[in-house]
Every structure is written in C-alpha cells, then in structure tokens.
Amino acid sequence: MFKTIKVLLTLITLFSCCSAANADLAIIAHPDYQGGELDQEMVKGLFLRESLTFPSGHRASLINHAKGSPDRKHFFEYVLQMEEKRLKRYWARKVSIGKKGSPKELNSHKDVLDWIAHTPLGIAYIDKNLVDDSVKVLLTVTVFEDI
C-alpha cells in the first residue's frame, strides 16, 4: 500500500514539474481584432515581413520584446524557427535590399500589453499566463522548457 502511494506521489511530482516547465506563448491583438483567423505560419510570415497584412487585408503593426526576453527567445525558436543571430542576418539582408527592418521592440510585458490595447491593427506575443482582458488571444503556441 505504502509503495503504491509513494509511486503515485513520485508521478504527481514528476508531472507537476513538467507542467511548470511549459510556458505557452499567446499571439495577441487588440480586443476588437477582426482581421481573420491566423495560424502559426501566417504569424511567422507577418513577423518576418514576408506578409504585411492580416487575412482581412488590413496592414499589420508588429511589436517584439526586447533582446534577452524569455518570450522573445521562445517566439524566435518556436514560431520563427530561428535563433537571434540568424534573425539578425536575415534583417541585415532585408535592409540591404531596401526592405523595412525588424519590428520595434518594447522592454516589458506591461508595455506590450499597453501597446496592443491601444493599437487596433497591432499583433504581438506574450507569456500566456500574463494575458489580461485588454487584449485578444489569436493563437497559442506551446513551448517546452528544458527540464
């Protein structure tokens, strides 16, 4: 009996550690967003400026987290599928051929939430646990931390 309880407690502890290591990202927009459904590839296209508009045809305004942010690292890895160094080279090539550079950066989660809440065609990403009712979640991206 005690052995069974010990095994169950061990499993519960193991699973609770794993779930704590999961830090999903929310792709967020203004609460009145009506730009159409987005999937992860569409979000990637917007943030790499391969596409400039939402499915509705409205021009998207983008914002990034500042360098060093865990959300930025996860977004680059799981959505853009690039590391910071590779993305820096990507933007340098874009700018060298006359294209617009990388999106503006904000320093805090509060700044990102405020910007989205006041930018009708804005899109950004943030830790899902920090989302409030000032924004609309368009998509959730599952992120797995190293355990």
N, C-alpha and C. Protein backbone atom coordinates (compact mmCIF):
# COMPACT_ATOMS: atom_id res chain seq x y z
N MET A 1 0.81 -1.20 0.00
CA MET A 1 0.00 0.00 0.00
C MET A 1 0.86 1.27 0.00
N PHE A 2 1.86 1.30 0.91
CA PHE A 2 2.72 2.46 1.00
C PHE A 2 3.57 2.64 -0.25
N LYS A 3 3.95 1.52 -0.84
CA LYS A 3 4.74 1.56 -2.06
C LYS A 3 3.91 2.19 -3.20
N THR A 4 2.64 1.85 -3.29
CA THR A 4 1.75 2.41 -4.31
C THR A 4 1.59 3.91 -4.11
N ILE A 5 1.40 4.34 -2.87
CA ILE A 5 1.26 5.77 -2.58
C ILE A 5 2.56 6.51 -2.94
N LYS A 6 3.69 5.90 -2.60
CA LYS A 6 4.98 6.52 -2.91
C LYS A 6 5.16 6.68 -4.43
N VAL A 7 4.79 5.67 -5.18
CA VAL A 7 4.88 5.73 -6.64
C VAL A 7 3.96 6.82 -7.19
N LEU A 8 2.73 6.88 -6.67
CA LEU A 8 1.78 7.91 -7.11
C LEU A 8 2.29 9.31 -6.80
N LEU A 9 2.82 9.51 -5.62
CA LEU A 9 3.37 10.82 -5.26
C LEU A 9 4.55 11.19 -6.14
N THR A 10 5.38 10.23 -6.46
CA THR A 10 6.51 10.48 -7.36
C THR A 10 6.01 10.89 -8.74
N LEU A 11 5.02 10.20 -9.26
CA LEU A 11 4.46 10.54 -10.57
C LEU A 11 3.82 11.93 -10.56
N ILE A 12 3.08 12.24 -9.52
CA ILE A 12 2.45 13.56 -9.42
C ILE A 12 3.52 14.65 -9.39
N THR A 13 4.56 14.44 -8.62
CA THR A 13 5.66 15.41 -8.56
C THR A 13 6.31 15.56 -9.93
N LEU A 14 6.56 14.46 -10.60
CA LEU A 14 7.17 14.50 -11.92
C LEU A 14 6.31 15.27 -12.90
N PHE A 15 5.02 15.00 -12.94
CA PHE A 15 4.13 15.69 -13.88
C PHE A 15 3.95 17.16 -13.53
N SER A 16 3.94 17.49 -12.25
CA SER A 16 3.81 18.90 -11.88
C SER A 16 5.07 19.66 -12.26
N CYS A 17 6.23 19.03 -12.19
CA CYS A 17 7.47 19.68 -12.63
C CYS A 17 7.43 19.92 -14.13
N CYS A 18 6.94 18.95 -14.86
CA CYS A 18 6.87 19.08 -16.32
C CYS A 18 5.91 20.17 -16.73
N SER A 19 4.76 20.27 -16.05
CA SER A 19 3.80 21.30 -16.44
C SER A 19 4.31 22.67 -16.07
N ALA A 20 5.12 22.79 -15.02
CA ALA A 20 5.68 24.09 -14.65
C ALA A 20 6.71 24.53 -15.68
N ALA A 21 7.28 23.59 -16.40
CA ALA A 21 8.29 23.92 -17.39
C ALA A 21 7.65 24.33 -18.72
N ASN A 22 6.35 24.26 -18.79
CA ASN A 22 5.64 24.61 -20.00
C ASN A 22 5.22 26.08 -19.91
N ALA A 23 5.76 26.93 -20.80
CA ALA A 23 5.46 28.37 -20.77
C ALA A 23 4.89 28.77 -22.12
N ASP A 24 3.62 28.48 -22.32
CA ASP A 24 2.99 28.77 -23.61
C ASP A 24 3.03 30.26 -23.93
N LEU A 25 3.10 30.55 -25.23
CA LEU A 25 3.04 31.93 -25.72
C LEU A 25 1.66 32.18 -26.30
N ALA A 26 1.16 33.36 -26.06
CA ALA A 26 -0.09 33.78 -26.67
C ALA A 26 0.24 34.81 -27.75
N ILE A 27 -0.29 34.61 -28.94
CA ILE A 27 -0.19 35.61 -30.00
C ILE A 27 -1.40 36.50 -29.77
N ILE A 28 -1.14 37.78 -29.53
CA ILE A 28 -2.22 38.68 -29.09
C ILE A 28 -2.43 39.84 -30.06
N ALA A 29 -3.66 40.36 -30.00
CA ALA A 29 -4.03 41.51 -30.82
C ALA A 29 -4.99 42.39 -30.00
N HIS A 30 -5.33 43.52 -30.59
CA HIS A 30 -6.30 44.44 -29.99
C HIS A 30 -7.59 43.67 -29.72
N PRO A 31 -8.32 44.00 -28.64
CA PRO A 31 -9.54 43.24 -28.32
C PRO A 31 -10.62 43.30 -29.41
N ASP A 32 -10.58 44.30 -30.26
CA ASP A 32 -11.57 44.41 -31.34
C ASP A 32 -11.08 43.82 -32.66
N TYR A 33 -9.98 43.08 -32.62
CA TYR A 33 -9.40 42.48 -33.83
C TYR A 33 -10.43 41.69 -34.60
N GLN A 34 -10.51 41.97 -35.91
CA GLN A 34 -11.38 41.19 -36.80
C GLN A 34 -10.65 40.95 -38.12
N GLY A 35 -9.35 40.66 -38.01
CA GLY A 35 -8.52 40.51 -39.20
C GLY A 35 -8.53 39.12 -39.80
N GLY A 36 -9.29 38.20 -39.24
CA GLY A 36 -9.34 36.85 -39.77
C GLY A 36 -8.53 35.88 -38.92
N GLU A 37 -8.74 34.61 -39.19
CA GLU A 37 -8.03 33.54 -38.46
C GLU A 37 -6.56 33.51 -38.86
N LEU A 38 -5.70 33.28 -37.87
CA LEU A 38 -4.27 33.15 -38.12
C LEU A 38 -3.79 31.79 -37.65
N ASP A 39 -2.82 31.25 -38.38
CA ASP A 39 -2.15 30.06 -37.90
C ASP A 39 -0.68 30.42 -37.67
N GLN A 40 0.09 29.47 -37.20
CA GLN A 40 1.48 29.75 -36.85
C GLN A 40 2.31 30.19 -38.06
N GLU A 41 2.07 29.62 -39.21
CA GLU A 41 2.81 30.01 -40.43
C GLU A 41 2.48 31.44 -40.84
N MET A 42 1.22 31.84 -40.69
CA MET A 42 0.83 33.22 -41.01
C MET A 42 1.51 34.20 -40.06
N VAL A 43 1.56 33.85 -38.78
CA VAL A 43 2.23 34.70 -37.79
C VAL A 43 3.71 34.83 -38.14
N LYS A 44 4.33 33.72 -38.50
CA LYS A 44 5.74 33.74 -38.91
C LYS A 44 5.92 34.68 -40.10
N GLY A 45 5.06 34.57 -41.09
CA GLY A 45 5.15 35.43 -42.27
C GLY A 45 5.01 36.90 -41.92
N LEU A 46 4.12 37.22 -41.00
CA LEU A 46 3.96 38.62 -40.58
C LEU A 46 5.21 39.13 -39.88
N PHE A 47 5.74 38.36 -38.94
CA PHE A 47 6.89 38.82 -38.17
C PHE A 47 8.20 38.81 -38.96
N LEU A 48 8.24 38.07 -40.06
CA LEU A 48 9.41 38.13 -40.95
C LEU A 48 9.17 39.12 -42.09
N ARG A 49 8.02 39.78 -42.04
CA ARG A 49 7.60 40.75 -43.06
C ARG A 49 7.55 40.14 -44.45
N GLU A 50 7.29 38.85 -44.52
CA GLU A 50 7.04 38.20 -45.81
C GLU A 50 5.61 38.48 -46.24
N SER A 51 4.77 38.75 -45.26
CA SER A 51 3.39 39.17 -45.48
C SER A 51 3.20 40.42 -44.62
N LEU A 52 2.51 41.39 -45.17
CA LEU A 52 2.33 42.64 -44.44
C LEU A 52 0.92 42.83 -43.91
N THR A 53 0.02 41.93 -44.32
CA THR A 53 -1.39 42.12 -43.98
C THR A 53 -1.99 40.89 -43.30
N PHE A 54 -3.03 41.17 -42.53
CA PHE A 54 -3.83 40.10 -41.94
C PHE A 54 -4.66 39.47 -43.06
N PRO A 55 -5.27 38.30 -42.82
CA PRO A 55 -6.13 37.69 -43.84
C PRO A 55 -7.22 38.62 -44.36
N SER A 56 -7.65 39.58 -43.55
CA SER A 56 -8.69 40.53 -43.95
C SER A 56 -8.19 41.56 -44.95
N GLY A 57 -6.86 41.66 -45.11
CA GLY A 57 -6.27 42.66 -46.00
C GLY A 57 -5.78 43.90 -45.27
N HIS A 58 -6.06 44.03 -43.98
CA HIS A 58 -5.59 45.17 -43.20
C HIS A 58 -4.11 45.01 -42.89
N ARG A 59 -3.38 46.12 -42.96
CA ARG A 59 -1.94 46.10 -42.71
C ARG A 59 -1.65 45.90 -41.21
N ALA A 60 -0.80 44.95 -40.90
CA ALA A 60 -0.46 44.61 -39.52
C ALA A 60 0.64 45.51 -38.98
N SER A 61 0.53 45.87 -37.71
CA SER A 61 1.59 46.57 -36.98
C SER A 61 2.18 45.57 -36.00
N LEU A 62 3.49 45.44 -36.00
CA LEU A 62 4.15 44.40 -35.20
C LEU A 62 4.97 44.99 -34.07
N ILE A 63 5.12 44.21 -33.02
CA ILE A 63 5.99 44.60 -31.91
C ILE A 63 6.72 43.36 -31.41
N ASN A 64 7.99 43.53 -31.07
CA ASN A 64 8.80 42.47 -30.50
C ASN A 64 9.12 42.80 -29.05
N HIS A 65 9.46 41.80 -28.29
CA HIS A 65 10.03 42.02 -26.97
C HIS A 65 11.51 42.38 -27.16
N ALA A 66 12.08 43.05 -26.18
CA ALA A 66 13.49 43.44 -26.23
C ALA A 66 14.39 42.20 -26.15
N LYS A 67 15.59 42.36 -26.67
CA LYS A 67 16.59 41.30 -26.62
C LYS A 67 16.79 40.84 -25.17
N GLY A 68 16.89 39.53 -24.98
CA GLY A 68 17.08 38.98 -23.64
C GLY A 68 15.79 38.49 -22.99
N SER A 69 14.65 38.84 -23.56
CA SER A 69 13.36 38.42 -23.00
C SER A 69 13.14 36.93 -23.27
N PRO A 70 12.70 36.17 -22.26
CA PRO A 70 12.39 34.75 -22.49
C PRO A 70 11.28 34.58 -23.54
N ASP A 71 10.30 35.49 -23.55
CA ASP A 71 9.23 35.40 -24.54
C ASP A 71 9.79 35.53 -25.95
N ARG A 72 10.71 36.47 -26.13
CA ARG A 72 11.35 36.67 -27.43
C ARG A 72 12.11 35.42 -27.85
N LYS A 73 12.88 34.85 -26.94
CA LYS A 73 13.64 33.63 -27.23
C LYS A 73 12.71 32.50 -27.67
N HIS A 74 11.62 32.32 -26.92
CA HIS A 74 10.67 31.26 -27.26
C HIS A 74 9.96 31.53 -28.59
N PHE A 75 9.58 32.77 -28.82
CA PHE A 75 8.91 33.12 -30.07
C PHE A 75 9.84 32.87 -31.26
N PHE A 76 11.09 33.30 -31.14
CA PHE A 76 12.04 33.09 -32.23
C PHE A 76 12.24 31.60 -32.49
N GLU A 77 12.37 30.82 -31.42
CA GLU A 77 12.62 29.39 -31.56
C GLU A 77 11.40 28.62 -32.07
N TYR A 78 10.24 28.85 -31.49
CA TYR A 78 9.06 28.04 -31.79
C TYR A 78 8.20 28.55 -32.93
N VAL A 79 8.21 29.85 -33.19
CA VAL A 79 7.39 30.39 -34.26
C VAL A 79 8.24 30.75 -35.48
N LEU A 80 9.27 31.56 -35.27
CA LEU A 80 10.13 31.96 -36.39
C LEU A 80 11.12 30.88 -36.78
N GLN A 81 11.38 29.97 -35.87
CA GLN A 81 12.32 28.86 -36.08
C GLN A 81 13.71 29.36 -36.45
N MET A 82 14.14 30.39 -35.73
CA MET A 82 15.47 30.99 -35.93
C MET A 82 16.02 31.42 -34.58
N GLU A 83 17.32 31.41 -34.48
CA GLU A 83 17.97 31.97 -33.30
C GLU A 83 18.22 33.45 -33.56
N GLU A 84 18.49 34.17 -32.50
CA GLU A 84 18.71 35.63 -32.57
C GLU A 84 19.77 35.99 -33.62
N LYS A 85 20.86 35.27 -33.63
CA LYS A 85 21.98 35.57 -34.55
C LYS A 85 21.53 35.42 -36.02
N ARG A 86 20.83 34.35 -36.29
CA ARG A 86 20.35 34.12 -37.67
C ARG A 86 19.33 35.17 -38.09
N LEU A 87 18.46 35.55 -37.16
CA LEU A 87 17.46 36.56 -37.46
C LEU A 87 18.11 37.92 -37.72
N LYS A 88 19.16 38.21 -36.99
CA LYS A 88 19.90 39.47 -37.20
C LYS A 88 20.45 39.53 -38.63
N ARG A 89 20.99 38.42 -39.11
CA ARG A 89 21.49 38.35 -40.50
C ARG A 89 20.34 38.49 -41.49
N TYR A 90 19.20 37.88 -41.17
CA TYR A 90 18.00 37.97 -42.02
C TYR A 90 17.60 39.43 -42.21
N TRP A 91 17.53 40.18 -41.10
CA TRP A 91 17.13 41.60 -41.19
C TRP A 91 18.17 42.43 -41.91
N ALA A 92 19.44 42.12 -41.73
CA ALA A 92 20.50 42.85 -42.43
C ALA A 92 20.35 42.67 -43.94
N ARG A 93 20.03 41.46 -44.38
CA ARG A 93 19.81 41.22 -45.82
C ARG A 93 18.59 41.99 -46.31
N LYS A 94 17.50 41.96 -45.54
CA LYS A 94 16.27 42.68 -45.93
C LYS A 94 16.55 44.17 -46.10
N VAL A 95 17.23 44.76 -45.12
CA VAL A 95 17.53 46.19 -45.16
C VAL A 95 18.45 46.51 -46.33
N SER A 96 19.40 45.62 -46.62
CA SER A 96 20.35 45.87 -47.71
C SER A 96 19.69 45.92 -49.08
N ILE A 97 18.51 45.32 -49.20
CA ILE A 97 17.80 45.38 -50.49
C ILE A 97 16.63 46.37 -50.45
N GLY A 98 16.66 47.23 -49.43
CA GLY A 98 15.67 48.30 -49.36
C GLY A 98 14.36 47.96 -48.68
N LYS A 99 14.31 46.84 -48.01
CA LYS A 99 13.09 46.46 -47.28
C LYS A 99 13.13 47.04 -45.86
N LYS A 100 11.98 47.04 -45.23
CA LYS A 100 11.87 47.52 -43.86
C LYS A 100 12.57 46.55 -42.91
N GLY A 101 13.13 47.07 -41.83
CA GLY A 101 13.85 46.25 -40.86
C GLY A 101 12.94 45.55 -39.87
N SER A 102 13.54 45.06 -38.82
CA SER A 102 12.81 44.29 -37.81
C SER A 102 11.80 45.16 -37.07
N PRO A 103 10.78 44.53 -36.51
CA PRO A 103 9.76 45.28 -35.77
C PRO A 103 10.36 46.03 -34.56
N LYS A 104 9.68 47.08 -34.16
CA LYS A 104 10.05 47.85 -32.97
C LYS A 104 10.04 46.92 -31.76
N GLU A 105 10.85 47.24 -30.76
CA GLU A 105 10.94 46.42 -29.56
C GLU A 105 10.45 47.18 -28.33
N LEU A 106 9.80 46.46 -27.44
CA LEU A 106 9.37 47.03 -26.16
C LEU A 106 10.02 46.24 -25.03
N ASN A 107 10.26 46.92 -23.91
CA ASN A 107 11.04 46.34 -22.82
C ASN A 107 10.31 45.50 -21.81
N SER A 108 9.00 45.64 -21.69
CA SER A 108 8.31 44.91 -20.63
C SER A 108 6.98 44.33 -21.12
N HIS A 109 6.49 43.37 -20.37
CA HIS A 109 5.19 42.79 -20.69
C HIS A 109 4.10 43.85 -20.61
N LYS A 110 4.20 44.72 -19.62
CA LYS A 110 3.21 45.79 -19.47
C LYS A 110 3.21 46.69 -20.70
N ASP A 111 4.40 47.04 -21.20
CA ASP A 111 4.49 47.87 -22.41
C ASP A 111 3.84 47.18 -23.60
N VAL A 112 4.07 45.88 -23.73
CA VAL A 112 3.49 45.12 -24.85
C VAL A 112 1.97 45.11 -24.73
N LEU A 113 1.46 44.81 -23.55
CA LEU A 113 0.00 44.79 -23.35
C LEU A 113 -0.61 46.17 -23.61
N ASP A 114 0.03 47.23 -23.12
CA ASP A 114 -0.48 48.59 -23.35
C ASP A 114 -0.47 48.94 -24.83
N TRP A 115 0.62 48.60 -25.52
CA TRP A 115 0.73 48.92 -26.95
C TRP A 115 -0.37 48.22 -27.73
N ILE A 116 -0.56 46.93 -27.47
CA ILE A 116 -1.60 46.17 -28.18
C ILE A 116 -2.98 46.74 -27.88
N ALA A 117 -3.24 47.08 -26.62
CA ALA A 117 -4.56 47.60 -26.23
C ALA A 117 -4.88 48.92 -26.92
N HIS A 118 -3.84 49.64 -27.35
CA HIS A 118 -4.04 50.95 -27.98
C HIS A 118 -3.69 50.96 -29.48
N THR A 119 -3.45 49.79 -30.06
CA THR A 119 -3.09 49.70 -31.47
C THR A 119 -4.06 48.73 -32.16
N PRO A 120 -5.10 49.26 -32.80
CA PRO A 120 -6.15 48.41 -33.38
C PRO A 120 -5.65 47.32 -34.34
N LEU A 121 -4.59 47.55 -35.09
CA LEU A 121 -4.10 46.52 -36.01
C LEU A 121 -2.77 45.93 -35.55
N GLY A 122 -2.53 46.02 -34.24
CA GLY A 122 -1.29 45.51 -33.67
C GLY A 122 -1.33 44.02 -33.41
N ILE A 123 -0.15 43.41 -33.46
CA ILE A 123 -0.01 41.99 -33.13
C ILE A 123 1.32 41.82 -32.39
N ALA A 124 1.29 40.98 -31.38
CA ALA A 124 2.49 40.72 -30.57
C ALA A 124 2.37 39.33 -29.95
N TYR A 125 3.30 39.02 -29.10
CA TYR A 125 3.31 37.74 -28.39
C TYR A 125 3.69 37.99 -26.94
N ILE A 126 3.19 37.14 -26.07
CA ILE A 126 3.46 37.30 -24.64
C ILE A 126 3.22 35.97 -23.94
N ASP A 127 3.86 35.78 -22.81
CA ASP A 127 3.61 34.59 -21.99
C ASP A 127 2.11 34.49 -21.74
N LYS A 128 1.55 33.36 -22.04
CA LYS A 128 0.09 33.16 -21.93
C LYS A 128 -0.43 33.47 -20.52
N ASN A 129 0.38 33.23 -19.52
CA ASN A 129 -0.04 33.47 -18.13
C ASN A 129 -0.18 34.96 -17.81
N LEU A 130 0.33 35.82 -18.67
CA LEU A 130 0.28 37.27 -18.41
C LEU A 130 -0.81 37.98 -19.20
N VAL A 131 -1.56 37.24 -19.98
CA VAL A 131 -2.63 37.83 -20.78
C VAL A 131 -3.74 38.34 -19.86
N ASP A 132 -4.25 39.52 -20.18
CA ASP A 132 -5.40 40.05 -19.45
C ASP A 132 -6.51 40.41 -20.44
N ASP A 133 -7.57 41.01 -19.95
CA ASP A 133 -8.72 41.29 -20.82
C ASP A 133 -8.55 42.53 -21.69
N SER A 134 -7.37 43.14 -21.67
CA SER A 134 -7.11 44.30 -22.53
C SER A 134 -6.70 43.89 -23.94
N VAL A 135 -6.50 42.57 -24.15
CA VAL A 135 -6.06 42.06 -25.45
C VAL A 135 -6.89 40.82 -25.83
N LYS A 136 -6.75 40.42 -27.09
CA LYS A 136 -7.44 39.23 -27.59
C LYS A 136 -6.38 38.20 -27.98
N VAL A 137 -6.54 36.97 -27.55
CA VAL A 137 -5.61 35.89 -27.92
C VAL A 137 -6.05 35.32 -29.26
N LEU A 138 -5.14 35.37 -30.23
CA LEU A 138 -5.44 34.85 -31.57
C LEU A 138 -4.99 33.41 -31.74
N LEU A 139 -3.93 33.07 -31.02
CA LEU A 139 -3.30 31.76 -31.21
C LEU A 139 -2.44 31.47 -29.99
N THR A 140 -2.37 30.22 -29.60
CA THR A 140 -1.48 29.82 -28.51
C THR A 140 -0.43 28.87 -29.07
N VAL A 141 0.83 29.14 -28.70
CA VAL A 141 1.95 28.31 -29.15
C VAL A 141 2.52 27.60 -27.93
N THR A 142 2.57 26.29 -27.99
CA THR A 142 3.09 25.52 -26.88
C THR A 142 4.62 25.56 -26.89
N VAL A 143 5.17 25.88 -25.74
CA VAL A 143 6.63 25.99 -25.57
C VAL A 143 7.04 25.00 -24.50
N PHE A 144 8.08 24.24 -24.76
CA PHE A 144 8.58 23.29 -23.78
C PHE A 144 9.98 23.71 -23.36
N GLU A 145 10.10 23.99 -22.07
CA GLU A 145 11.39 24.35 -21.49
C GLU A 145 12.21 23.09 -21.31
N ASP A 146 13.52 23.27 -21.25
CA ASP A 146 14.38 22.14 -20.91
C ASP A 146 14.20 21.84 -19.42
N ILE A 147 14.03 20.57 -19.13
CA ILE A 147 13.81 20.18 -17.74
C ILE A 147 15.12 19.79 -17.11
